[in-house]
Amino acid sequence: MKNRLECQVTSCQHYEDGLCSLPGIKVDGPAARVCSQTCCSSYQERGKGAGTASIFSSGNASPDSSISCQAKNCSYNHDCKCEAGCVRVGCCCNDVNSKSGTECCTFSCK
């Protein structure tokens, strides 16, 4: 299943103008009960001096992505695959420099 993926994590090297350049991501948070207990484990910090997303763009970003999900308590998780039509990955802190600063904003506890 493909999901529509929107990304707000501008410090990630895969970020391109609100989208992700990866064909699929993995959301972690096996015991999560709220969004902030999840994270995008596909996050990789953009290298220093890499510039903004539009300058660093690879041209591979697409709104369609496959999302593997380890958040067992999420109502959209079905056999470790996300079934939400649209997923938004955001920041749970102001200075994101690791995957722990990201979150799946679409997470909904069962």
C-alpha atoms as a PDB file:
ATOM      1  CA  MET A   1       0.000   0.000   0.000  1.00  0.00           C
ATOM      2  CA  LYS A   2       1.191   3.484  -0.823  1.00  0.00           C
ATOM      3  CA  ASN A   3       0.458   6.366   1.529  1.00  0.00           C
ATOM      4  CA  ARG A   4       0.522  10.088   0.886  1.00  0.00           C
ATOM      5  CA  LEU A   5       3.464  11.292   2.979  1.00  0.00           C
ATOM      6  CA  GLU A   6       3.941  14.907   4.028  1.00  0.00           C
ATOM      7  CA  CYS A   7       7.141  15.838   5.832  1.00  0.00           C
ATOM      8  CA  GLN A   8       7.888  18.935   7.921  1.00  0.00           C
ATOM      9  CA  VAL A   9      11.352  17.888   9.113  1.00  0.00           C
ATOM     10  CA  THR A  10      13.526  20.289   7.128  1.00  0.00           C
ATOM     11  CA  SER A  11      16.739  19.135   8.852  1.00  0.00           C
ATOM     12  CA  CYS A  12      16.462  15.647   7.284  1.00  0.00           C
ATOM     13  CA  GLN A  13      18.611  14.940   4.248  1.00  0.00           C
ATOM     14  CA  HIS A  14      15.602  13.255   2.577  1.00  0.00           C
ATOM     15  CA  TYR A  15      13.355  16.341   2.951  1.00  0.00           C
ATOM     16  CA  GLU A  16      12.385  18.035  -0.333  1.00  0.00           C
ATOM     17  CA  ASP A  17       9.828  20.834  -0.252  1.00  0.00           C
ATOM     18  CA  GLY A  18       7.416  19.097   2.142  1.00  0.00           C
ATOM     19  CA  LEU A  19       7.990  15.630   0.687  1.00  0.00           C
ATOM     20  CA  CYS A  20      10.419  12.753   1.235  1.00  0.00           C
ATOM     21  CA  SER A  21      12.889  11.523  -1.398  1.00  0.00           C
ATOM     22  CA  LEU A  22      12.842   7.960  -0.019  1.00  0.00           C
ATOM     23  CA  PRO A  23      10.408   5.463  -1.605  1.00  0.00           C
ATOM     24  CA  GLY A  24       9.438   4.318   1.892  1.00  0.00           C
ATOM     25  CA  ILE A  25      10.014   5.173   5.549  1.00  0.00           C
ATOM     26  CA  LYS A  26       9.859   3.350   8.860  1.00  0.00           C
ATOM     27  CA  VAL A  27       7.997   4.693  11.873  1.00  0.00           C
ATOM     28  CA  ASP A  28       9.154   3.435  15.280  1.00  0.00           C
ATOM     29  CA  GLY A  29       7.492   3.552  18.677  1.00  0.00           C
ATOM     30  CA  PRO A  30       6.426   0.029  19.624  1.00  0.00           C
ATOM     31  CA  ALA A  31       4.899   1.122  22.957  1.00  0.00           C
ATOM     32  CA  ALA A  32       3.719   4.600  21.830  1.00  0.00           C
ATOM     33  CA  ARG A  33       0.478   5.982  23.246  1.00  0.00           C
ATOM     34  CA  VAL A  34       0.880   9.522  21.821  1.00  0.00           C
ATOM     35  CA  CYS A  35       2.528  11.048  18.730  1.00  0.00           C
ATOM     36  CA  SER A  36       5.601  12.257  20.601  1.00  0.00           C
ATOM     37  CA  GLN A  37       6.467   8.646  21.497  1.00  0.00           C
ATOM     38  CA  THR A  38       6.878   7.768  17.806  1.00  0.00           C
ATOM     39  CA  CYS A  39       9.691   8.720  15.441  1.00  0.00           C
ATOM     40  CA  CYS A  40      10.750   8.437  11.821  1.00  0.00           C
ATOM     41  CA  SER A  41      13.637   5.992  12.029  1.00  0.00           C
ATOM     42  CA  SER A  42      14.502   6.803   8.403  1.00  0.00           C
ATOM     43  CA  TYR A  43      15.582  10.314   9.478  1.00  0.00           C
ATOM     44  CA  GLN A  44      19.159  11.269   8.633  1.00  0.00           C
ATOM     45  CA  GLU A  45      20.476  14.693   9.562  1.00  0.00           C
ATOM     46  CA  ARG A  46      21.297  16.945   6.638  1.00  0.00           C
ATOM     47  CA  GLY A  47      25.026  17.597   6.439  1.00  0.00           C
ATOM     48  CA  LYS A  48      26.331  20.949   7.607  1.00  0.00           C
ATOM     49  CA  GLY A  49      26.488  23.442   4.770  1.00  0.00           C
ATOM     50  CA  ALA A  50      24.180  21.340   2.604  1.00  0.00           C
ATOM     51  CA  GLY A  51      21.851  24.295   2.174  1.00  0.00           C
ATOM     52  CA  THR A  52      18.107  24.371   2.020  1.00  0.00           C
ATOM     53  CA  ALA A  53      15.853  21.663   0.682  1.00  0.00           C
ATOM     54  CA  SER A  54      15.374  23.359  -2.681  1.00  0.00           C
ATOM     55  CA  ILE A  55      19.139  23.653  -3.230  1.00  0.00           C
ATOM     56  CA  PHE A  56      19.813  20.086  -2.012  1.00  0.00           C
ATOM     57  CA  SER A  57      16.926  18.572  -3.981  1.00  0.00           C
ATOM     58  CA  SER A  58      17.574  15.240  -5.697  1.00  0.00           C
ATOM     59  CA  GLY A  59      14.337  15.440  -7.660  1.00  0.00           C
ATOM     60  CA  ASN A  60      13.236  12.040  -6.303  1.00  0.00           C
ATOM     61  CA  ALA A  61      10.633  13.291  -3.838  1.00  0.00           C
ATOM     62  CA  SER A  62       7.122  12.012  -4.283  1.00  0.00           C
ATOM     63  CA  PRO A  63       3.956  12.369  -2.235  1.00  0.00           C
ATOM     64  CA  ASP A  64       3.506   8.577  -2.471  1.00  0.00           C
ATOM     65  CA  SER A  65       5.435   6.399  -0.042  1.00  0.00           C
ATOM     66  CA  SER A  66       5.304   3.011   1.633  1.00  0.00           C
ATOM     67  CA  ILE A  67       5.305   3.253   5.421  1.00  0.00           C
ATOM     68  CA  SER A  68       6.468   0.444   7.655  1.00  0.00           C
ATOM     69  CA  CYS A  69       5.094   0.962  11.163  1.00  0.00           C
ATOM     70  CA  GLN A  70       6.316  -0.448  14.458  1.00  0.00           C
ATOM     71  CA  ALA A  71       3.817   1.588  16.545  1.00  0.00           C
ATOM     72  CA  LYS A  72       1.749  -1.407  17.651  1.00  0.00           C
ATOM     73  CA  ASN A  73      -0.866   0.733  19.411  1.00  0.00           C
ATOM     74  CA  CYS A  74      -1.663   2.872  16.357  1.00  0.00           C
ATOM     75  CA  SER A  75      -5.111   2.368  14.893  1.00  0.00           C
ATOM     76  CA  TYR A  76      -3.628   2.670  11.365  1.00  0.00           C
ATOM     77  CA  ASN A  77      -1.081  -0.128  11.892  1.00  0.00           C
ATOM     78  CA  HIS A  78      -2.035  -3.387  10.216  1.00  0.00           C
ATOM     79  CA  ASP A  79       0.657  -6.094  10.297  1.00  0.00           C
ATOM     80  CA  CYS A  80       3.400  -3.427  10.574  1.00  0.00           C
ATOM     81  CA  LYS A  81       2.115  -1.507   7.547  1.00  0.00           C
ATOM     82  CA  CYS A  82       0.479   1.901   7.819  1.00  0.00           C
ATOM     83  CA  GLU A  83      -3.016   2.072   6.367  1.00  0.00           C
ATOM     84  CA  ALA A  84      -3.601   5.814   6.805  1.00  0.00           C
ATOM     85  CA  GLY A  85      -4.328   7.529   3.517  1.00  0.00           C
ATOM     86  CA  CYS A  86      -2.243  10.567   4.423  1.00  0.00           C
ATOM     87  CA  VAL A  87       0.610  10.626   6.936  1.00  0.00           C
ATOM     88  CA  ARG A  88       2.407  13.690   8.279  1.00  0.00           C
ATOM     89  CA  VAL A  89       5.849  13.449   9.857  1.00  0.00           C
ATOM     90  CA  GLY A  90       6.763  16.451  11.976  1.00  0.00           C
ATOM     91  CA  CYS A  91       9.041  17.694  14.703  1.00  0.00           C
ATOM     92  CA  CYS A  92       8.443  17.226  18.415  1.00  0.00           C
ATOM     93  CA  CYS A  93      11.171  19.721  19.358  1.00  0.00           C
ATOM     94  CA  ASN A  94      12.616  22.944  17.942  1.00  0.00           C
ATOM     95  CA  ASP A  95      16.098  21.685  17.059  1.00  0.00           C
ATOM     96  CA  VAL A  96      15.784  18.337  15.295  1.00  0.00           C
ATOM     97  CA  ASN A  97      19.153  16.649  14.813  1.00  0.00           C
ATOM     98  CA  SER A  98      18.235  13.006  15.413  1.00  0.00           C
ATOM     99  CA  LYS A  99      15.315  10.687  14.763  1.00  0.00           C
ATOM    100  CA  SER A 100      14.145  11.164  18.367  1.00  0.00           C
ATOM    101  CA  GLY A 101      13.191  14.745  17.425  1.00  0.00           C
ATOM    102  CA  THR A 102      10.709  13.526  14.835  1.00  0.00           C
ATOM    103  CA  GLU A 103       7.192  12.165  15.270  1.00  0.00           C
ATOM    104  CA  CYS A 104       4.362  10.669  13.295  1.00  0.00           C
ATOM    105  CA  CYS A 105       1.702  13.351  13.684  1.00  0.00           C
ATOM    106  CA  THR A 106      -0.932  10.985  12.235  1.00  0.00           C
ATOM    107  CA  PHE A 107      -0.537   8.456  15.059  1.00  0.00           C
ATOM    108  CA  SER A 108      -3.874   7.578  16.652  1.00  0.00           C
ATOM    109  CA  CYS A 109      -3.917   5.284  19.690  1.00  0.00           C
ATOM    110  CA  LYS A 110      -6.302   2.309  19.494  1.00  0.00           C
END
